[in-house]
């Protein structure tokens, strides 16, 4: 089969690899119908994860058809159409029992990281009963693809950890795929104000189309001052940091109101200035996290009845055989107007 294979920092190639086989009784082998590329995949390509083995197939998101199941799989059967969760969960270890599925002792985020992933014609998925989500016929395949990772990530680590409530004011730093997903899922809780901040005017335009009440471009002035003009001098109830750089963290810690929340979703690779001398008195809740994907089924139901056009998140489409071209487009997302790419296995 064809697969996108990692060979060290800066070296990924579309190659022929053996079709995966059942290893454990709880495994399933899934034929990929559609997959996508995540910012985490770009991080691996850039060398941020030297622990990733040479020869690893990348990818942890996908929609597919179950080809084969192990003898221990009870609820998933051959022929089922499924969403592949980015988190594999055994549901028996101590962390799983606390719903910390991202820290599953036997799984967690392993697809495209510790084991071969979904950017291929087929993938082996561990703990199939717990890690594959049956896909109803009435849900669009491409929208369902967002349930694999980006929507649950933004919803759980941004919106839920940020305790977004009806009538709240929400600030989202970054209008990339995760920030835009935070915008979409925050609306499930009816906040009064959603401010999206980004340098890319095309992304800000899309944010307005997807429900942002206000947008801010940092190139046009001081971001905190503009936020205070919108919501008042106290600041916002929830600041969601969805970029992972010191500048956006600084914005969030400056604009969160007393008793508010800062939810860090962005993947930070450098230290930040934690202004505890100003924050200690504000009764803030500051959270971080890795997606547990425990809200994926709920989001699937919410999306299937939503009037919002989630397909606007999906900006480019390629054949699976065009994976290398798709990576080039996604690497230069701003220049290409890319949000999420769809890769179709034909």
Protein backbone atom coordinates (compact mmCIF):
# COMPACT_ATOMS: atom_id res chain seq x y z
CA UNK A 1 0.00 0.00 0.00
CA UNK A 2 0.99 3.65 -0.38
CA UNK A 3 1.84 5.53 2.82
CA UNK A 4 3.48 8.76 3.99
CA UNK A 5 6.66 7.69 5.78
CA UNK A 6 8.93 9.63 8.13
CA UNK A 7 12.71 9.23 7.76
CA UNK A 8 14.02 11.86 10.14
CA UNK A 9 13.71 15.63 10.42
CA UNK A 10 12.80 17.21 7.08
CA UNK A 11 12.47 13.87 5.29
CA UNK A 12 9.01 12.42 4.62
CA UNK A 13 8.19 10.36 1.53
CA UNK A 14 5.26 8.63 -0.12
CA UNK A 15 6.35 4.99 -0.26
CA UNK A 16 5.13 1.43 -0.63
CA UNK A 17 4.62 -0.29 2.72
CA UNK A 18 3.13 -3.68 3.68
CA UNK A 19 -0.59 -3.69 4.44
CA UNK A 20 -1.07 -3.85 8.24
CA UNK A 21 -2.22 -7.04 9.93
CA UNK A 22 -4.09 -7.81 13.16
CA UNK A 23 -1.57 -8.10 16.00
CA UNK A 24 -3.71 -8.07 19.17
CA UNK A 25 -7.24 -9.49 19.59
CA UNK A 26 -8.61 -5.97 20.20
CA UNK A 27 -7.23 -4.60 16.89
CA UNK A 28 -9.05 -3.69 13.72
CA UNK A 29 -7.66 -3.01 10.25
CA UNK A 30 -9.42 -0.09 8.57
CA UNK A 31 -9.33 0.87 4.90
CA UNK A 32 -8.90 4.63 4.80
CA UNK A 33 -11.59 6.52 2.92
CA UNK A 34 -10.39 10.01 3.83
CA UNK A 35 -7.60 11.39 5.99
CA UNK A 36 -5.95 14.75 6.63
CA UNK A 37 -2.79 16.47 7.87
CA UNK A 38 -2.42 17.96 11.36
CA UNK A 39 -0.03 20.60 12.66
CA UNK A 40 1.42 17.84 14.84
CA UNK A 41 2.45 15.99 11.68
CA UNK A 42 4.32 19.10 10.57
CA UNK A 43 5.99 19.20 13.98
CA UNK A 44 7.25 15.65 13.49
CA UNK A 45 8.47 16.51 10.00
CA UNK A 46 10.35 19.52 11.42
CA UNK A 47 12.10 17.31 13.99
CA UNK A 48 10.18 18.35 17.13
CA UNK A 49 9.69 14.69 18.06
CA UNK A 50 13.03 12.89 17.72
CA UNK A 51 11.50 9.87 19.48
CA UNK A 52 9.51 9.06 16.33
CA UNK A 53 11.12 6.07 14.64
CA UNK A 54 12.57 6.12 11.14
CA UNK A 55 10.03 4.42 8.89
CA UNK A 56 6.95 5.50 10.84
CA UNK A 57 3.77 6.10 8.83
CA UNK A 58 2.36 9.49 9.82
CA UNK A 59 -1.21 10.59 10.53
CA UNK A 60 -3.76 10.17 13.33
CA UNK A 61 -7.04 11.27 11.74
CA UNK A 62 -9.32 9.45 9.36
CA UNK A 63 -12.62 8.04 8.21
CA UNK A 64 -12.66 4.50 6.86
CA UNK A 65 -14.30 1.11 6.37
CA UNK A 66 -13.45 -1.72 8.75
CA UNK A 67 -11.64 -4.43 6.78
CA UNK A 68 -10.90 -6.94 9.55
CA UNK A 69 -11.32 -7.23 13.32
CA UNK A 70 -9.52 -9.23 15.98
CA UNK A 71 -11.17 -11.99 17.98
CA UNK A 72 -11.61 -9.70 21.00
CA UNK A 73 -13.54 -6.97 19.16
CA UNK A 74 -17.22 -7.07 20.10
CA UNK A 75 -18.92 -3.86 18.95
CA UNK A 76 -17.20 -3.10 15.65
CA UNK A 77 -17.57 -5.40 12.67
CA UNK A 78 -16.24 -5.78 9.15
CA UNK A 79 -17.89 -3.33 6.78
CA UNK A 80 -18.65 -0.66 9.41
CA UNK A 81 -17.92 2.91 8.40
CA UNK A 82 -16.03 4.57 11.25
CA UNK A 83 -14.25 7.68 12.46
CA UNK A 84 -10.75 6.88 13.69
CA UNK A 85 -10.06 8.69 16.96
CA UNK A 86 -6.64 10.29 17.36
CA UNK A 87 -6.54 8.76 20.86
CA UNK A 88 -6.39 4.99 21.35
CA UNK A 89 -7.82 3.98 24.73
CA UNK A 90 -7.78 0.66 26.53
CA UNK A 91 -10.49 1.77 29.03
CA UNK A 92 -9.00 -0.47 31.73
CA UNK A 93 -5.92 1.34 33.09
CA UNK A 94 -6.02 3.81 35.98
CA UNK A 95 -5.84 6.86 33.73
CA UNK A 96 -8.61 5.64 31.45
CA UNK A 97 -10.81 5.07 34.51
CA UNK A 98 -10.38 8.81 35.24
CA UNK A 99 -11.22 9.63 31.59
CA UNK A 100 -7.62 10.71 31.03
CA UNK A 101 -7.60 8.81 27.76
CA UNK A 102 -4.75 10.88 26.34
CA UNK A 103 -2.62 9.35 29.12
CA UNK A 104 -3.82 5.78 28.62
CA UNK A 105 -1.05 3.49 29.87
CA UNK A 106 -1.47 1.26 26.82
CA UNK A 107 -2.47 3.77 24.19
CA UNK A 108 -3.12 7.52 24.11
CA UNK A 109 -1.78 9.43 21.13
CA UNK A 110 0.13 6.64 19.45
CA UNK A 111 -1.19 6.62 15.85
CA UNK A 112 1.36 8.23 13.56
CA UNK A 113 3.66 8.64 16.55
CA UNK A 114 4.54 5.40 18.32
CA UNK A 115 2.77 3.13 15.82
CA UNK A 116 1.93 3.50 12.13
CA UNK A 117 -0.80 6.00 11.37
CA UNK A 118 -3.58 6.93 9.00
CA UNK A 119 -1.82 8.62 6.07
CA UNK A 120 -1.95 5.36 4.17
CA UNK A 121 -4.40 3.11 2.34
CA UNK A 122 -4.91 0.99 5.48
CA UNK A 123 -4.27 1.40 9.20
CA UNK A 124 -4.24 -0.95 12.21
CA UNK A 125 -6.21 0.59 15.07
CA UNK A 126 -5.68 -0.73 18.62
CA UNK A 127 -8.61 -1.08 21.05
CA UNK A 128 -11.08 -0.89 18.18
CA UNK A 129 -14.20 -1.06 20.36
CA UNK A 130 -13.10 2.04 22.27
CA UNK A 131 -11.22 3.97 19.60
CA UNK A 132 -13.44 3.71 16.52
CA UNK A 133 -16.69 5.68 16.30
CA UNK A 134 -19.46 4.33 14.05
CA UNK A 135 -20.32 6.92 11.41
CA UNK A 136 -24.01 7.41 10.58
CA UNK A 137 -24.90 7.54 6.87
CA UNK A 138 -26.40 11.03 7.16
CA UNK A 139 -23.15 12.66 8.34
CA UNK A 140 -20.82 14.05 5.67
CA UNK A 141 -17.50 12.11 5.50
CA UNK A 142 -15.44 15.27 5.35
CA UNK A 143 -17.15 16.88 8.33
CA UNK A 144 -16.77 13.59 10.23
CA UNK A 145 -13.03 13.81 9.57
CA UNK A 146 -12.92 16.83 11.88
CA UNK A 147 -14.16 14.61 14.73
CA UNK A 148 -10.93 12.59 14.64
CA UNK A 149 -8.92 15.30 16.36
CA UNK A 150 -9.29 19.02 15.69
CA UNK A 151 -12.86 19.57 16.93
CA UNK A 152 -12.51 17.50 20.14
CA UNK A 153 -9.13 19.13 20.83
CA UNK A 154 -10.52 22.64 20.62
CA UNK A 155 -13.73 21.72 22.42
CA UNK A 156 -12.22 19.83 25.34
CA UNK A 157 -8.97 21.72 25.96
CA UNK A 158 -10.20 25.14 24.87
CA UNK A 159 -13.95 25.47 25.39
CA UNK A 160 -14.63 22.97 28.19
CA UNK A 161 -11.46 23.66 30.17
CA UNK A 162 -12.15 27.36 29.59
CA UNK A 163 -15.60 26.87 31.17
CA UNK A 164 -17.40 28.79 28.43
CA UNK A 165 -20.99 29.54 29.50
CA UNK A 166 -24.04 31.31 28.06
CA UNK A 167 -23.46 35.05 27.88
CA UNK A 168 -19.67 34.82 28.28
CA UNK A 169 -17.05 36.79 26.40
CA UNK A 170 -14.45 34.61 24.68
CA UNK A 171 -11.12 35.58 23.09
CA UNK A 172 -9.41 33.13 20.73
CA UNK A 173 -5.77 33.77 19.87
CA UNK A 174 -5.15 32.18 16.48
CA UNK A 175 -7.49 31.37 13.60
CA UNK A 176 -5.79 28.22 12.39
CA UNK A 177 -7.60 24.86 12.41
CA UNK A 178 -7.62 24.60 16.22
CA UNK A 179 -8.60 28.22 16.82
CA UNK A 180 -11.36 27.98 14.22
CA UNK A 181 -12.58 24.76 15.84
CA UNK A 182 -12.68 26.55 19.19
CA UNK A 183 -14.81 29.21 17.52
CA UNK A 184 -17.21 26.58 16.19
CA UNK A 185 -17.53 24.53 19.36
CA UNK A 186 -17.73 27.56 21.68
CA UNK A 187 -21.00 28.44 19.97
CA UNK A 188 -22.54 25.25 21.40
CA UNK A 189 -22.54 27.13 24.75
CA UNK A 190 -24.05 30.45 23.54
CA UNK A 191 -21.39 32.99 24.54
CA UNK A 192 -22.38 36.61 23.89
CA UNK A 193 -19.03 37.71 22.40
CA UNK A 194 -16.41 35.72 20.49
CA UNK A 195 -13.30 37.67 19.47
CA UNK A 196 -10.87 35.96 17.07
CA UNK A 197 -7.33 37.33 16.69
CA UNK A 198 -5.00 36.49 13.80
CA UNK A 199 -2.54 38.14 11.40
CA UNK A 200 -4.21 36.58 8.34
CA UNK A 201 -7.09 38.67 6.96
CA UNK A 202 -8.46 35.73 4.96
CA UNK A 203 -8.73 33.67 8.12
CA UNK A 204 -10.37 36.55 9.97
CA UNK A 205 -12.92 36.82 7.16
CA UNK A 206 -13.67 33.10 7.50
CA UNK A 207 -13.93 33.50 11.28
CA UNK A 208 -16.69 36.07 10.79
CA UNK A 209 -18.48 33.69 8.42
CA UNK A 210 -18.26 30.93 11.04
CA UNK A 211 -19.68 32.99 13.89
CA UNK A 212 -17.08 35.36 15.34
CA UNK A 213 -18.70 38.56 16.62
CA UNK A 214 -15.42 40.51 16.38
CA UNK A 215 -12.00 40.01 14.79
CA UNK A 216 -8.67 41.66 15.57
CA UNK A 217 -5.51 41.83 13.48
CA UNK A 218 -2.45 42.54 15.70
CA UNK A 219 -0.93 44.48 12.80
CA UNK A 220 -3.62 47.13 13.29
CA UNK A 221 -2.85 48.04 16.89
CA UNK A 222 -2.55 46.94 20.50
CA UNK A 223 -4.61 43.77 20.94
CA UNK A 224 -5.47 44.10 24.67
CA UNK A 225 -6.60 47.69 24.14
CA UNK A 226 -8.90 46.59 21.33
CA UNK A 227 -10.28 43.77 23.47
CA UNK A 228 -11.03 46.16 26.34
CA UNK A 229 -12.83 48.46 23.90
CA UNK A 230 -15.13 45.55 23.00
CA UNK A 231 -15.80 43.94 26.40
CA UNK A 232 -14.81 46.57 28.96
CA UNK A 233 -11.78 47.13 31.15
CA UNK A 234 -12.19 43.90 33.16
CA UNK A 235 -11.41 41.72 30.15
CA UNK A 236 -12.84 38.44 28.88
CA UNK A 237 -14.32 35.51 30.73
CA UNK A 238 -12.27 33.02 28.72
CA UNK A 239 -9.06 33.46 26.73
CA UNK A 240 -8.18 30.48 24.51
CA UNK A 241 -4.53 30.37 23.39
CA UNK A 242 -4.48 28.35 20.15
CA UNK A 243 -1.10 29.19 18.63
CA UNK A 244 1.67 28.16 21.01
CA UNK A 245 3.99 31.17 20.98
CA UNK A 246 4.95 33.66 23.73
CA UNK A 247 3.17 36.60 22.05
CA UNK A 248 -0.26 34.97 22.11
CA UNK A 249 0.24 33.72 25.67
CA UNK A 250 1.05 37.32 26.67
CA UNK A 251 -2.20 38.52 25.11
CA UNK A 252 -4.24 35.96 27.01
CA UNK A 253 -2.70 36.61 30.42
CA UNK A 254 -3.25 40.35 29.98
CA UNK A 255 -6.92 40.24 28.99
CA UNK A 256 -8.41 37.53 31.25
CA UNK A 257 -10.76 39.08 33.82
CA UNK A 258 -10.72 38.29 37.56
CA UNK A 259 -12.32 34.89 38.04
CA UNK A 260 -11.79 34.09 34.38
CA UNK A 261 -10.08 31.28 32.52
CA UNK A 262 -7.03 30.93 30.31
CA UNK A 263 -7.16 27.68 28.32
CA UNK A 264 -3.90 26.81 26.60
CA UNK A 265 -4.44 24.62 23.53
CA UNK A 266 -1.41 25.72 21.50
CA UNK A 267 1.67 23.49 21.51
CA UNK A 268 4.46 25.57 23.06
CA UNK A 269 8.06 24.86 22.13
CA UNK A 270 9.67 27.78 23.97
CA UNK A 271 9.45 29.18 27.52
CA UNK A 272 6.99 31.99 28.18
CA UNK A 273 6.96 34.85 30.67
CA UNK A 274 4.44 33.82 33.35
CA UNK A 275 3.51 37.10 35.03
CA UNK A 276 2.54 35.57 38.33
CA UNK A 277 3.13 38.87 40.13
CA UNK A 278 0.06 40.22 38.30
CA UNK A 279 -1.97 37.03 38.00
CA UNK A 280 -1.91 35.70 41.57
CA UNK A 281 -4.60 38.11 42.73
CA UNK A 282 -7.02 37.51 39.84
CA UNK A 283 -8.48 34.15 40.89
CA UNK A 284 -7.77 32.76 37.45
CA UNK A 285 -8.01 29.17 36.30
CA UNK A 286 -5.18 28.37 33.87
CA UNK A 287 -5.40 25.01 32.13
CA UNK A 288 -3.40 22.96 29.65
CA UNK A 289 -3.98 19.58 28.15
CA UNK A 290 -3.95 16.98 25.42
CA UNK A 291 -7.22 15.90 23.87
CA UNK A 292 -8.94 12.90 25.50
CA UNK A 293 -11.54 12.61 22.72
CA UNK A 294 -14.21 11.80 25.30
CA UNK A 295 -16.60 14.30 23.68
CA UNK A 296 -16.30 13.01 20.10
CA UNK A 297 -19.65 11.22 20.08
CA UNK A 298 -21.40 14.26 21.53
CA UNK A 299 -19.84 16.52 18.91
CA UNK A 300 -20.87 14.10 16.18
CA UNK A 301 -24.50 14.47 17.28
CA UNK A 302 -24.23 18.24 17.61
CA UNK A 303 -22.68 18.67 14.18
CA UNK A 304 -25.26 16.45 12.49
CA UNK A 305 -28.04 18.85 13.52
CA UNK A 306 -26.12 22.13 13.22
CA UNK A 307 -26.94 24.86 10.71
CA UNK A 308 -23.27 25.91 10.62
CA UNK A 309 -21.40 24.88 7.47
CA UNK A 310 -18.44 22.98 8.91
CA UNK A 311 -17.19 22.16 5.41
CA UNK A 312 -15.81 25.72 5.23
CA UNK A 313 -12.98 24.38 7.41
CA UNK A 314 -11.99 22.06 4.55
CA UNK A 315 -10.21 24.20 1.99
CA UNK A 316 -8.19 21.79 -0.18
CA UNK A 317 -8.75 18.29 -1.53
CA UNK A 318 -6.18 15.82 -2.88
CA UNK A 319 -5.93 12.17 -3.78
CA UNK A 320 -4.00 10.06 -1.27
CA UNK A 321 -1.42 9.57 -4.01
CA UNK A 322 -0.87 13.36 -3.90
CA UNK A 323 0.17 13.40 -0.23
CA UNK A 324 3.51 15.05 -0.91
CA UNK A 325 1.80 17.91 -2.76
CA UNK A 326 -0.76 18.20 0.05
CA UNK A 327 2.06 18.55 2.61
CA UNK A 328 3.62 21.35 0.57
CA UNK A 329 0.30 23.20 0.55
CA UNK A 330 -0.26 22.66 4.28
CA UNK A 331 3.31 23.64 5.18
CA UNK A 332 2.61 27.02 3.59
CA UNK A 333 -0.99 27.27 4.76
CA UNK A 334 -1.18 31.06 4.94
CA UNK A 335 0.18 31.57 1.44
CA UNK A 336 -2.18 28.94 0.04
CA UNK A 337 -5.27 29.88 2.04
CA UNK A 338 -5.27 26.40 3.56
CA UNK A 339 -7.17 25.42 6.72
CA UNK A 340 -7.68 21.64 6.64
CA UNK A 341 -6.86 19.47 3.63
CA UNK A 342 -8.82 16.35 2.70
CA UNK A 343 -6.97 13.34 1.29
CA UNK A 344 -9.15 10.82 -0.56
CA UNK A 345 -8.14 7.19 -0.98
CA UNK A 346 -9.32 6.32 -4.49
